[in-house]
Amino acid sequence: QVQVKESGGGLAQPGGSLRLSCAANGIIFRAYIMAWYRQAAGKERELVASITSGDSTNYVDSVKGRFTISRDNGKNMVYLEMNSLKPEDTGVYYCNARPIAPTRAYWGQGTQVTVSS
């Protein structure tokens, strides 16, 4: 059974930091591109960052230089280090596992990140 589960969300002040973690079990982890998405209230879900099994990364422009995505293929884990947080980073952050082969992707249940003073 496939399970994708996020942790590490919470409340941070502007300029602060948070680290999100995602455990993906029940899949051949190296065969998946891992990504973080976020959805702010009243807005569409957007891709924040992605990482291939070879550690090639991609970021949305609004987080470049502030967020870092990484993965540990031995532990089936993906992380999102978020620094210099801004109120506009507030939202529910979702972990996504998308296979290289054309089969289904998997989502976590999401974790809330709130940036506020």
PDB file of N, CA and C in Angstrom:
ATOM      1  N   GLN A   1       0.848  -1.188   0.000  1.00  0.00           N
ATOM      2  CA  GLN A   1       0.000   0.000   0.000  1.00  0.00           C
ATOM      3  C   GLN A   1       0.886   1.240   0.000  1.00  0.00           C
ATOM      4  N   VAL A   2       0.588   2.165  -0.895  1.00  0.00           N
ATOM      5  CA  VAL A   2       1.368   3.383  -1.004  1.00  0.00           C
ATOM      6  C   VAL A   2       0.914   4.387   0.053  1.00  0.00           C
ATOM      7  N   GLN A   3       1.877   4.991   0.704  1.00  0.00           N
ATOM      8  CA  GLN A   3       1.572   6.020   1.699  1.00  0.00           C
ATOM      9  C   GLN A   3       2.553   7.179   1.526  1.00  0.00           C
ATOM     10  N   VAL A   4       2.001   8.366   1.369  1.00  0.00           N
ATOM     11  CA  VAL A   4       2.781   9.597   1.284  1.00  0.00           C
ATOM     12  C   VAL A   4       2.322  10.494   2.415  1.00  0.00           C
ATOM     13  N   LYS A   5       3.244  10.880   3.279  1.00  0.00           N
ATOM     14  CA  LYS A   5       2.849  11.602   4.490  1.00  0.00           C
ATOM     15  C   LYS A   5       3.815  12.731   4.791  1.00  0.00           C
ATOM     16  N   GLU A   6       3.259  13.941   4.915  1.00  0.00           N
ATOM     17  CA  GLU A   6       4.033  15.125   5.233  1.00  0.00           C
ATOM     18  C   GLU A   6       4.082  15.379   6.733  1.00  0.00           C
ATOM     19  N   SER A   7       5.113  16.092   7.162  1.00  0.00           N
ATOM     20  CA  SER A   7       5.209  16.549   8.542  1.00  0.00           C
ATOM     21  C   SER A   7       6.063  17.808   8.575  1.00  0.00           C
ATOM     22  N   GLY A   8       5.954  18.546   9.680  1.00  0.00           N
ATOM     23  CA  GLY A   8       6.837  19.691   9.879  1.00  0.00           C
ATOM     24  C   GLY A   8       6.225  21.050   9.652  1.00  0.00           C
ATOM     25  N   GLY A   9       4.972  21.123   9.303  1.00  0.00           N
ATOM     26  CA  GLY A   9       4.345  22.423   9.139  1.00  0.00           C
ATOM     27  C   GLY A   9       4.128  23.097  10.477  1.00  0.00           C
ATOM     28  N   GLY A  10       3.618  24.318  10.424  1.00  0.00           N
ATOM     29  CA  GLY A  10       3.343  25.039  11.651  1.00  0.00           C
ATOM     30  C   GLY A  10       3.332  26.526  11.421  1.00  0.00           C
ATOM     31  N   LEU A  11       3.538  27.261  12.498  1.00  0.00           N
ATOM     32  CA  LEU A  11       3.517  28.719  12.466  1.00  0.00           C
ATOM     33  C   LEU A  11       4.930  29.257  12.513  1.00  0.00           C
ATOM     34  N   ALA A  12       5.227  30.216  11.651  1.00  0.00           N
ATOM     35  CA  ALA A  12       6.527  30.874  11.648  1.00  0.00           C
ATOM     36  C   ALA A  12       6.330  32.368  11.477  1.00  0.00           C
ATOM     37  N   GLN A  13       7.258  33.126  11.996  1.00  0.00           N
ATOM     38  CA  GLN A  13       7.224  34.573  11.808  1.00  0.00           C
ATOM     39  C   GLN A  13       7.851  34.931  10.471  1.00  0.00           C
ATOM     40  N   PRO A  14       7.480  36.053   9.906  1.00  0.00           N
ATOM     41  CA  PRO A  14       8.155  36.514   8.689  1.00  0.00           C
ATOM     42  C   PRO A  14       9.662  36.584   8.903  1.00  0.00           C
ATOM     43  N   GLY A  15      10.395  36.049   7.930  1.00  0.00           N
ATOM     44  CA  GLY A  15      11.840  35.969   8.051  1.00  0.00           C
ATOM     45  C   GLY A  15      12.331  34.698   8.712  1.00  0.00           C
ATOM     46  N   GLY A  16      11.408  33.921   9.246  1.00  0.00           N
ATOM     47  CA  GLY A  16      11.766  32.692   9.926  1.00  0.00           C
ATOM     48  C   GLY A  16      11.945  31.513   8.987  1.00  0.00           C
ATOM     49  N   SER A  17      12.106  30.337   9.583  1.00  0.00           N
ATOM     50  CA  SER A  17      12.373  29.119   8.823  1.00  0.00           C
ATOM     51  C   SER A  17      11.505  27.969   9.299  1.00  0.00           C
ATOM     52  N   LEU A  18      11.229  27.071   8.379  1.00  0.00           N
ATOM     53  CA  LEU A  18      10.571  25.804   8.679  1.00  0.00           C
ATOM     54  C   LEU A  18      11.158  24.736   7.770  1.00  0.00           C
ATOM     55  N   ARG A  19      11.105  23.503   8.234  1.00  0.00           N
ATOM     56  CA  ARG A  19      11.548  22.376   7.412  1.00  0.00           C
ATOM     57  C   ARG A  19      10.421  21.357   7.317  1.00  0.00           C
ATOM     58  N   LEU A  20      10.009  21.085   6.099  1.00  0.00           N
ATOM     59  CA  LEU A  20       8.985  20.070   5.866  1.00  0.00           C
ATOM     60  C   LEU A  20       9.655  18.757   5.476  1.00  0.00           C
ATOM     61  N   SER A  21       9.044  17.669   5.920  1.00  0.00           N
ATOM     62  CA  SER A  21       9.519  16.334   5.560  1.00  0.00           C
ATOM     63  C   SER A  21       8.374  15.553   4.944  1.00  0.00           C
ATOM     64  N   CYS A  22       8.714  14.617   4.073  1.00  0.00           N
ATOM     65  CA  CYS A  22       7.705  13.767   3.443  1.00  0.00           C
ATOM     66  C   CYS A  22       8.273  12.358   3.339  1.00  0.00           C
ATOM     67  N   ALA A  23       7.531  11.406   3.870  1.00  0.00           N
ATOM     68  CA  ALA A  23       7.889   9.995   3.766  1.00  0.00           C
ATOM     69  C   ALA A  23       7.002   9.341   2.714  1.00  0.00           C
ATOM     70  N   ALA A  24       7.618   8.660   1.770  1.00  0.00           N
ATOM     71  CA  ALA A  24       6.875   7.985   0.703  1.00  0.00           C
ATOM     72  C   ALA A  24       7.199   6.494   0.766  1.00  0.00           C
ATOM     73  N   ASN A  25       6.231   5.698   1.189  1.00  0.00           N
ATOM     74  CA  ASN A  25       6.438   4.258   1.337  1.00  0.00           C
ATOM     75  C   ASN A  25       5.550   3.486   0.379  1.00  0.00           C
ATOM     76  N   GLY A  26       6.005   2.289   0.012  1.00  0.00           N
ATOM     77  CA  GLY A  26       5.210   1.454  -0.889  1.00  0.00           C
ATOM     78  C   GLY A  26       5.460   1.723  -2.359  1.00  0.00           C
ATOM     79  N   ILE A  27       6.483   2.556  -2.671  1.00  0.00           N
ATOM     80  CA  ILE A  27       6.837   2.825  -4.066  1.00  0.00           C
ATOM     81  C   ILE A  27       8.329   2.583  -4.256  1.00  0.00           C
ATOM     82  N   ILE A  28       8.708   2.412  -5.522  1.00  0.00           N
ATOM     83  CA  ILE A  28      10.146   2.351  -5.857  1.00  0.00           C
ATOM     84  C   ILE A  28      10.604   3.797  -5.944  1.00  0.00           C
ATOM     85  N   PHE A  29      11.131   4.295  -4.848  1.00  0.00           N
ATOM     86  CA  PHE A  29      11.339   5.731  -4.669  1.00  0.00           C
ATOM     87  C   PHE A  29      12.166   6.346  -5.793  1.00  0.00           C
ATOM     88  N   ARG A  30      13.187   5.649  -6.234  1.00  0.00           N
ATOM     89  CA  ARG A  30      14.060   6.211  -7.271  1.00  0.00           C
ATOM     90  C   ARG A  30      13.347   6.381  -8.610  1.00  0.00           C
ATOM     91  N   ALA A  31      12.218   5.725  -8.778  1.00  0.00           N
ATOM     92  CA  ALA A  31      11.470   5.808 -10.028  1.00  0.00           C
ATOM     93  C   ALA A  31      10.489   6.971 -10.037  1.00  0.00           C
ATOM     94  N   TYR A  32      10.539   7.794  -8.996  1.00  0.00           N
ATOM     95  CA  TYR A  32       9.585   8.885  -8.863  1.00  0.00           C
ATOM     96  C   TYR A  32      10.284  10.233  -8.773  1.00  0.00           C
ATOM     97  N   ILE A  33       9.708  11.208  -9.464  1.00  0.00           N
ATOM     98  CA  ILE A  33      10.049  12.598  -9.250  1.00  0.00           C
ATOM     99  C   ILE A  33       9.237  13.069  -8.051  1.00  0.00           C
ATOM    100  N   MET A  34       9.901  13.638  -7.078  1.00  0.00           N
ATOM    101  CA  MET A  34       9.220  14.112  -5.875  1.00  0.00           C
ATOM    102  C   MET A  34       9.060  15.632  -5.942  1.00  0.00           C
ATOM    103  N   ALA A  35       7.946  16.097  -5.432  1.00  0.00           N
ATOM    104  CA  ALA A  35       7.671  17.527  -5.526  1.00  0.00           C
ATOM    105  C   ALA A  35       6.875  18.016  -4.322  1.00  0.00           C
ATOM    106  N   TRP A  36       6.984  19.308  -4.077  1.00  0.00           N
ATOM    107  CA  TRP A  36       6.144  19.995  -3.106  1.00  0.00           C
ATOM    108  C   TRP A  36       5.247  20.968  -3.851  1.00  0.00           C
ATOM    109  N   TYR A  37       3.978  20.928  -3.534  1.00  0.00           N
ATOM    110  CA  TYR A  37       2.995  21.883  -4.025  1.00  0.00           C
ATOM    111  C   TYR A  37       2.441  22.638  -2.821  1.00  0.00           C
ATOM    112  N   ARG A  38       1.834  23.764  -3.097  1.00  0.00           N
ATOM    113  CA  ARG A  38       1.130  24.475  -2.022  1.00  0.00           C
ATOM    114  C   ARG A  38      -0.151  25.076  -2.571  1.00  0.00           C
ATOM    115  N   GLN A  39      -1.085  25.269  -1.635  1.00  0.00           N
ATOM    116  CA  GLN A  39      -2.364  25.871  -2.008  1.00  0.00           C
ATOM    117  C   GLN A  39      -2.768  26.866  -0.940  1.00  0.00           C
ATOM    118  N   ALA A  40      -2.819  28.118  -1.325  1.00  0.00           N
ATOM    119  CA  ALA A  40      -3.288  29.165  -0.423  1.00  0.00           C
ATOM    120  C   ALA A  40      -4.808  29.235  -0.503  1.00  0.00           C
ATOM    121  N   ALA A  41      -5.411  29.789   0.527  1.00  0.00           N
ATOM    122  CA  ALA A  41      -6.864  29.892   0.577  1.00  0.00           C
ATOM    123  C   ALA A  41      -7.386  30.657  -0.630  1.00  0.00           C
ATOM    124  N   GLY A  42      -8.325  30.069  -1.334  1.00  0.00           N
ATOM    125  CA  GLY A  42      -8.937  30.718  -2.475  1.00  0.00           C
ATOM    126  C   GLY A  42      -8.113  30.706  -3.751  1.00  0.00           C
ATOM    127  N   LYS A  43      -6.993  30.000  -3.722  1.00  0.00           N
ATOM    128  CA  LYS A  43      -6.126  29.965  -4.897  1.00  0.00           C
ATOM    129  C   LYS A  43      -5.933  28.529  -5.362  1.00  0.00           C
ATOM    130  N   GLU A  44      -5.431  28.409  -6.593  1.00  0.00           N
ATOM    131  CA  GLU A  44      -5.160  27.089  -7.129  1.00  0.00           C
ATOM    132  C   GLU A  44      -3.861  26.526  -6.541  1.00  0.00           C
ATOM    133  N   ARG A  45      -3.784  25.222  -6.540  1.00  0.00           N
ATOM    134  CA  ARG A  45      -2.564  24.566  -6.093  1.00  0.00           C
ATOM    135  C   ARG A  45      -1.438  24.860  -7.091  1.00  0.00           C
ATOM    136  N   GLU A  46      -0.245  25.184  -6.555  1.00  0.00           N
ATOM    137  CA  GLU A  46       0.887  25.484  -7.425  1.00  0.00           C
ATOM    138  C   GLU A  46       2.095  24.651  -7.050  1.00  0.00           C
ATOM    139  N   LEU A  47       2.902  24.357  -8.071  1.00  0.00           N
ATOM    140  CA  LEU A  47       4.146  23.643  -7.849  1.00  0.00           C
ATOM    141  C   LEU A  47       5.156  24.585  -7.212  1.00  0.00           C
ATOM    142  N   VAL A  48       5.753  24.162  -6.110  1.00  0.00           N
ATOM    143  CA  VAL A  48       6.762  24.957  -5.423  1.00  0.00           C
ATOM    144  C   VAL A  48       8.160  24.518  -5.828  1.00  0.00           C
ATOM    145  N   ALA A  49       8.404  23.211  -5.775  1.00  0.00           N
ATOM    146  CA  ALA A  49       9.731  22.688  -6.095  1.00  0.00           C
ATOM    147  C   ALA A  49       9.621  21.218  -6.432  1.00  0.00           C
ATOM    148  N   SER A  50      10.547  20.748  -7.263  1.00  0.00           N
ATOM    149  CA  SER A  50      10.586  19.326  -7.598  1.00  0.00           C
ATOM    150  C   SER A  50      12.036  18.862  -7.650  1.00  0.00           C
ATOM    151  N   ILE A  51      12.207  17.535  -7.518  1.00  0.00           N
ATOM    152  CA  ILE A  51      13.557  16.970  -7.537  1.00  0.00           C
ATOM    153  C   ILE A  51      13.499  15.572  -8.128  1.00  0.00           C
ATOM    154  N   THR A  52      14.423  15.289  -9.043  1.00  0.00           N
ATOM    155  CA  THR A  52      14.505  13.963  -9.633  1.00  0.00           C
ATOM    156  C   THR A  52      15.376  13.050  -8.760  1.00  0.00           C
ATOM    157  N   SER A  53      15.411  11.791  -9.114  1.00  0.00           N
ATOM    158  CA  SER A  53      16.239  10.854  -8.354  1.00  0.00           C
ATOM    159  C   SER A  53      17.719  11.179  -8.499  1.00  0.00           C
ATOM    160  N   GLY A  54      18.057  11.891  -9.559  1.00  0.00           N
ATOM    161  CA  GLY A  54      19.433  12.326  -9.758  1.00  0.00           C
ATOM    162  C   GLY A  54      19.725  13.684  -9.175  1.00  0.00           C
ATOM    163  N   ASP A  55      18.780  14.208  -8.370  1.00  0.00           N
ATOM    164  CA  ASP A  55      18.930  15.479  -7.655  1.00  0.00           C
ATOM    165  C   ASP A  55      18.883  16.712  -8.553  1.00  0.00           C
ATOM    166  N   SER A  56      18.280  16.600  -9.724  1.00  0.00           N
ATOM    167  CA  SER A  56      17.997  17.799 -10.509  1.00  0.00           C
ATOM    168  C   SER A  56      16.777  18.481  -9.902  1.00  0.00           C
ATOM    169  N   THR A  57      16.877  19.779  -9.696  1.00  0.00           N
ATOM    170  CA  THR A  57      15.815  20.501  -8.996  1.00  0.00           C
ATOM    171  C   THR A  57      15.205  21.588  -9.856  1.00  0.00           C
ATOM    172  N   ASN A  58      13.998  21.959  -9.470  1.00  0.00           N
ATOM    173  CA  ASN A  58      13.286  23.020 -10.158  1.00  0.00           C
ATOM    174  C   ASN A  58      12.464  23.763  -9.112  1.00  0.00           C
ATOM    175  N   TYR A  59      12.412  25.103  -9.213  1.00  0.00           N
ATOM    176  CA  TYR A  59      11.693  25.919  -8.238  1.00  0.00           C
ATOM    177  C   TYR A  59      10.811  26.942  -8.943  1.00  0.00           C
ATOM    178  N   VAL A  60       9.700  27.255  -8.318  1.00  0.00           N
ATOM    179  CA  VAL A  60       8.909  28.388  -8.779  1.00  0.00           C
ATOM    180  C   VAL A  60       9.702  29.657  -8.459  1.00  0.00           C
ATOM    181  N   ASP A  61       9.581  30.662  -9.295  1.00  0.00           N
ATOM    182  CA  ASP A  61      10.405  31.866  -9.147  1.00  0.00           C
ATOM    183  C   ASP A  61      10.274  32.512  -7.767  1.00  0.00           C
ATOM    184  N   SER A  62       9.094  32.470  -7.185  1.00  0.00           N
ATOM    185  CA  SER A  62       8.850  33.174  -5.924  1.00  0.00           C
ATOM    186  C   SER A  62       9.618  32.597  -4.737  1.00  0.00           C
ATOM    187  N   VAL A  63      10.153  31.380  -4.867  1.00  0.00           N
ATOM    188  CA  VAL A  63      10.869  30.768  -3.736  1.00  0.00           C
ATOM    189  C   VAL A  63      12.354  30.564  -4.021  1.00  0.00           C
ATOM    190  N   LYS A  64      12.784  30.886  -5.222  1.00  0.00           N
ATOM    191  CA  LYS A  64      14.194  30.692  -5.568  1.00  0.00           C
ATOM    192  C   LYS A  64      15.095  31.492  -4.626  1.00  0.00           C
ATOM    193  N   GLY A  65      16.130  30.831  -4.133  1.00  0.00           N
ATOM    194  CA  GLY A  65      17.054  31.480  -3.204  1.00  0.00           C
ATOM    195  C   GLY A  65      16.611  31.410  -1.753  1.00  0.00           C
ATOM    196  N   ARG A  66      15.379  30.977  -1.511  1.00  0.00           N
ATOM    197  CA  ARG A  66      14.870  30.889  -0.131  1.00  0.00           C
ATOM    198  C   ARG A  66      14.557  29.458   0.276  1.00  0.00           C
ATOM    199  N   PHE A  67      14.044  28.667  -0.653  1.00  0.00           N
ATOM    200  CA  PHE A  67      13.660  27.287  -0.367  1.00  0.00           C
ATOM    201  C   PHE A  67      14.659  26.329  -1.011  1.00  0.00           C
ATOM    202  N   THR A  68      14.858  25.180  -0.355  1.00  0.00           N
ATOM    203  CA  THR A  68      15.724  24.142  -0.896  1.00  0.00           C
ATOM    204  C   THR A  68      15.033  22.797  -0.759  1.00  0.00           C
ATOM    205  N   ILE A  69      14.895  22.099  -1.878  1.00  0.00           N
ATOM    206  CA  ILE A  69      14.330  20.756  -1.859  1.00  0.00           C
ATOM    207  C   ILE A  69      15.474  19.749  -1.905  1.00  0.00           C
ATOM    208  N   SER A  70      15.326  18.657  -1.163  1.00  0.00           N
ATOM    209  CA  SER A  70      16.330  17.605  -1.165  1.00  0.00           C
ATOM    210  C   SER A  70      15.635  16.270  -0.939  1.00  0.00           C
ATOM    211  N   ARG A  71      16.344  15.199  -1.229  1.00  0.00           N
ATOM    212  CA  ARG A  71      15.764  13.869  -1.035  1.00  0.00           C
ATOM    213  C   ARG A  71      16.833  12.911  -0.545  1.00  0.00           C
ATOM    214  N   ASP A  72      16.380  11.887   0.163  1.00  0.00           N
ATOM    215  CA  ASP A  72      17.251  10.817   0.621  1.00  0.00           C
ATOM    216  C   ASP A  72      16.677   9.518   0.049  1.00  0.00           C
ATOM    217  N   ASN A  73      17.289   9.024  -1.012  1.00  0.00           N
ATOM    218  CA  ASN A  73      16.757   7.842  -1.689  1.00  0.00           C
ATOM    219  C   ASN A  73      16.858   6.584  -0.830  1.00  0.00           C
ATOM    220  N   GLY A  74      17.775   6.571   0.117  1.00  0.00           N
ATOM    221  CA  GLY A  74      17.908   5.412   0.997  1.00  0.00           C
ATOM    222  C   GLY A  74      16.811   5.342   2.051  1.00  0.00           C
ATOM    223  N   LYS A  75      16.213   6.488   2.357  1.00  0.00           N
ATOM    224  CA  LYS A  75      15.182   6.548   3.396  1.00  0.00           C
ATOM    225  C   LYS A  75      13.789   6.825   2.836  1.00  0.00           C
ATOM    226  N   ASN A  76      13.674   6.966   1.510  1.00  0.00           N
ATOM    227  CA  ASN A  76      12.386   7.303   0.890  1.00  0.00           C
ATOM    228  C   ASN A  76      11.820   8.606   1.465  1.00  0.00           C
ATOM    229  N   MET A  77      12.678   9.602   1.595  1.00  0.00           N
ATOM    230  CA  MET A  77      12.273  10.873   2.189  1.00  0.00           C
ATOM    231  C   MET A  77      12.584  12.026   1.249  1.00  0.00           C
ATOM    232  N   VAL A  78      11.751  13.035   1.300  1.00  0.00           N
ATOM    233  CA  VAL A  78      12.005  14.294   0.598  1.00  0.00           C
ATOM    234  C   VAL A  78      11.764  15.428   1.580  1.00  0.00           C
ATOM    235  N   TYR A  79      12.539  16.475   1.456  1.00  0.00           N
ATOM    236  CA  TYR A  79      12.495  17.585   2.403  1.00  0.00           C
ATOM    237  C   TYR A  79      12.328  18.911   1.668  1.00  0.00           C
ATOM    238  N   LEU A  80      11.791  19.882   2.379  1.00  0.00           N
ATOM    239  CA  LEU A  80      11.735  21.249   1.870  1.00  0.00           C
ATOM    240  C   LEU A  80      12.189  22.174   2.989  1.00  0.00           C
ATOM    241  N   GLU A  81      13.364  22.734   2.828  1.00  0.00           N
ATOM    242  CA  GLU A  81      13.898  23.707   3.767  1.00  0.00           C
ATOM    243  C   GLU A  81      13.434  25.081   3.318  1.00  0.00           C
ATOM    244  N   MET A  82      12.710  25.771   4.187  1.00  0.00           N
ATOM    245  CA  MET A  82      12.126  27.071   3.836  1.00  0.00           C
ATOM    246  C   MET A  82      12.714  28.146   4.736  1.00  0.00           C
ATOM    247  N   ASN A  83      13.407  29.081   4.147  1.00  0.00           N
ATOM    248  CA  ASN A  83      14.027  30.184   4.876  1.00  0.00           C
ATOM    249  C   ASN A  83      13.454  31.519   4.400  1.00  0.00           C
ATOM    250  N   SER A  84      13.713  32.544   5.168  1.00  0.00           N
ATOM    251  CA  SER A  84      13.234  33.899   4.833  1.00  0.00           C
ATOM    252  C   SER A  84      11.755  33.869   4.468  1.00  0.00           C
ATOM    253  N   LEU A  85      10.985  33.219   5.295  1.00  0.00           N
ATOM    254  CA  LEU A  85       9.570  33.028   5.002  1.00  0.00           C
ATOM    255  C   LEU A  85       8.831  34.361   4.944  1.00  0.00           C
ATOM    256  N   LYS A  86       7.838  34.392   4.058  1.00  0.00           N
ATOM    257  CA  LYS A  86       7.003  35.567   3.858  1.00  0.00           C
ATOM    258  C   LYS A  86       5.547  35.188   4.107  1.00  0.00           C
ATOM    259  N   PRO A  87       4.720  36.155   4.461  1.00  0.00           N
ATOM    260  CA  PRO A  87       3.295  35.838   4.657  1.00  0.00           C
ATOM    261  C   PRO A  87       2.668  35.160   3.431  1.00  0.00           C
ATOM    262  N   GLU A  88       3.121  35.511   2.245  1.00  0.00           N
ATOM    263  CA  GLU A  88       2.552  34.908   1.040  1.00  0.00           C
ATOM    264  C   GLU A  88       2.973  33.445   0.851  1.00  0.00           C
ATOM    265  N   ASP A  89       3.848  32.937   1.705  1.00  0.00           N
ATOM    266  CA  ASP A  89       4.172  31.509   1.682  1.00  0.00           C
ATOM    267  C   ASP A  89       3.136  30.678   2.444  1.00  0.00           C
ATOM    268  N   THR A  90       2.215  31.341   3.087  1.00  0.00           N
ATOM    269  CA  THR A  90       1.177  30.645   3.844  1.00  0.00           C
ATOM    270  C   THR A  90       0.320  29.782   2.937  1.00  0.00           C
ATOM    271  N   GLY A  91       0.027  28.572   3.413  1.00  0.00           N
ATOM    272  CA  GLY A  91      -0.833  27.678   2.654  1.00  0.00           C
ATOM    273  C   GLY A  91      -0.680  26.248   3.134  1.00  0.00           C
ATOM    274  N   VAL A  92      -1.404  25.361   2.494  1.00  0.00           N
ATOM    275  CA  VAL A  92      -1.254  23.933   2.763  1.00  0.00           C
ATOM    276  C   VAL A  92      -0.226  23.390   1.769  1.00  0.00           C
ATOM    277  N   TYR A  93       0.779  22.739   2.299  1.00  0.00           N
ATOM    278  CA  TYR A  93       1.853  22.196   1.479  1.00  0.00           C
ATOM    279  C   TYR A  93       1.648  20.687   1.303  1.00  0.00           C
ATOM    280  N   TYR A  94       1.679  20.263   0.050  1.00  0.00           N
ATOM    281  CA  TYR A  94       1.433  18.872  -0.292  1.00  0.00           C
ATOM    282  C   TYR A  94       2.683  18.234  -0.903  1.00  0.00           C
ATOM    283  N   CYS A  95       2.938  17.010  -0.510  1.00  0.00           N
ATOM    284  CA  CYS A  95       4.001  16.224  -1.113  1.00  0.00           C
ATOM    285  C   CYS A  95       3.400  15.399  -2.256  1.00  0.00           C
ATOM    286  N   ASN A  96       4.119  15.350  -3.356  1.00  0.00           N
ATOM    287  CA  ASN A  96       3.645  14.625  -4.540  1.00  0.00           C
ATOM    288  C   ASN A  96       4.732  13.689  -5.049  1.00  0.00           C
ATOM    289  N   ALA A  97       4.329  12.479  -5.376  1.00  0.00           N
ATOM    290  CA  ALA A  97       5.238  11.494  -5.973  1.00  0.00           C
ATOM    291  C   ALA A  97       4.722  11.183  -7.368  1.00  0.00           C
ATOM    292  N   ARG A  98       5.490  11.588  -8.368  1.00  0.00           N
ATOM    293  CA  ARG A  98       5.068  11.396  -9.760  1.00  0.00           C
ATOM    294  C   ARG A  98       6.028  10.432 -10.439  1.00  0.00           C
ATOM    295  N   PRO A  99       5.489   9.316 -10.963  1.00  0.00           N
ATOM    296  CA  PRO A  99       6.391   8.321 -11.550  1.00  0.00           C
ATOM    297  C   PRO A  99       6.939   8.768 -12.900  1.00  0.00           C
ATOM    298  N   ILE A 100       8.122   8.308 -13.200  1.00  0.00           N
ATOM    299  CA  ILE A 100       8.714   8.561 -14.512  1.00  0.00           C
ATOM    300  C   ILE A 100       7.904   7.830 -15.576  1.00  0.00           C
ATOM    301  N   ALA A 101       7.451   6.636 -15.265  1.00  0.00           N
ATOM    302  CA  ALA A 101       6.577   5.888 -16.166  1.00  0.00           C
ATOM    303  C   ALA A 101       5.176   6.515 -16.128  1.00  0.00           C
ATOM    304  N   PRO A 102       4.388   6.353 -17.179  1.00  0.00           N
ATOM    305  CA  PRO A 102       3.051   6.971 -17.227  1.00  0.00           C
ATOM    306  C   PRO A 102       2.018   6.211 -16.408  1.00  0.00           C
ATOM    307  N   THR A 103       2.217   6.207 -15.104  1.00  0.00           N
ATOM    308  CA  THR A 103       1.228   5.616 -14.194  1.00  0.00           C
ATOM    309  C   THR A 103       0.825   6.675 -13.181  1.00  0.00           C
ATOM    310  N   ARG A 104      -0.009   6.311 -12.230  1.00  0.00           N
ATOM    311  CA  ARG A 104      -0.600   7.314 -11.361  1.00  0.00           C
ATOM    312  C   ARG A 104       0.415   7.947 -10.418  1.00  0.00           C
ATOM    313  N   ALA A 105       0.123   9.192 -10.041  1.00  0.00           N
ATOM    314  CA  ALA A 105       0.894   9.905  -9.040  1.00  0.00           C
ATOM    315  C   ALA A 105       0.198   9.771  -7.685  1.00  0.00           C
ATOM    316  N   TYR A 106       0.936  10.078  -6.641  1.00  0.00           N
ATOM    317  CA  TYR A 106       0.391   9.964  -5.287  1.00  0.00           C
ATOM    318  C   TYR A 106       0.585  11.282  -4.553  1.00  0.00           C
ATOM    319  N   TRP A 107      -0.406  11.601  -3.700  1.00  0.00           N
ATOM    320  CA  TRP A 107      -0.381  12.831  -2.916  1.00  0.00           C
ATOM    321  C   TRP A 107      -0.442  12.521  -1.435  1.00  0.00           C
ATOM    322  N   GLY A 108       0.198  13.380  -0.648  1.00  0.00           N
ATOM    323  CA  GLY A 108       0.003  13.346   0.783  1.00  0.00           C
ATOM    324  C   GLY A 108      -1.243  14.122   1.160  1.00  0.00           C
ATOM    325  N   GLN A 109      -1.544  14.137   2.466  1.00  0.00           N
ATOM    326  CA  GLN A 109      -2.761  14.791   2.927  1.00  0.00           C
ATOM    327  C   GLN A 109      -2.563  16.290   3.136  1.00  0.00           C
ATOM    328  N   GLY A 110      -1.311  16.738   3.136  1.00  0.00           N
ATOM    329  CA  GLY A 110      -1.009  18.154   3.281  1.00  0.00           C
ATOM    330  C   GLY A 110      -0.649  18.537   4.702  1.00  0.00           C
ATOM    331  N   THR A 111       0.145  19.584   4.823  1.00  0.00           N
ATOM    332  CA  THR A 111       0.504  20.130   6.131  1.00  0.00           C
ATOM    333  C   THR A 111       0.423  21.655   6.050  1.00  0.00           C
ATOM    334  N   GLN A 112      -0.163  22.256   7.069  1.00  0.00           N
ATOM    335  CA  GLN A 112      -0.404  23.702   7.057  1.00  0.00           C
ATOM    336  C   GLN A 112       0.861  24.460   7.434  1.00  0.00           C
ATOM    337  N   VAL A 113       1.180  25.475   6.648  1.00  0.00           N
ATOM    338  CA  VAL A 113       2.251  26.417   6.956  1.00  0.00           C
ATOM    339  C   VAL A 113       1.624  27.800   7.045  1.00  0.00           C
ATOM    340  N   THR A 114       1.833  28.454   8.173  1.00  0.00           N
ATOM    341  CA  THR A 114       1.311  29.800   8.375  1.00  0.00           C
ATOM    342  C   THR A 114       2.460  30.719   8.736  1.00  0.00           C
ATOM    343  N   VAL A 115       2.602  31.785   7.975  1.00  0.00           N
ATOM    344  CA  VAL A 115       3.653  32.766   8.232  1.00  0.00           C
ATOM    345  C   VAL A 115       2.967  34.063   8.641  1.00  0.00           C
ATOM    346  N   SER A 116       3.139  34.406   9.896  1.00  0.00           N
ATOM    347  CA  SER A 116       2.436  35.573  10.439  1.00  0.00           C
ATOM    348  C   SER A 116       3.157  36.063  11.673  1.00  0.00           C
ATOM    349  N   SER A 117       3.083  37.380  11.887  1.00  0.00           N
ATOM    350  CA  SER A 117       3.646  37.954  13.098  1.00  0.00           C
ATOM    351  C   SER A 117       2.590  38.068  14.184  1.00  0.00           C
TER     352      SER A 117
END
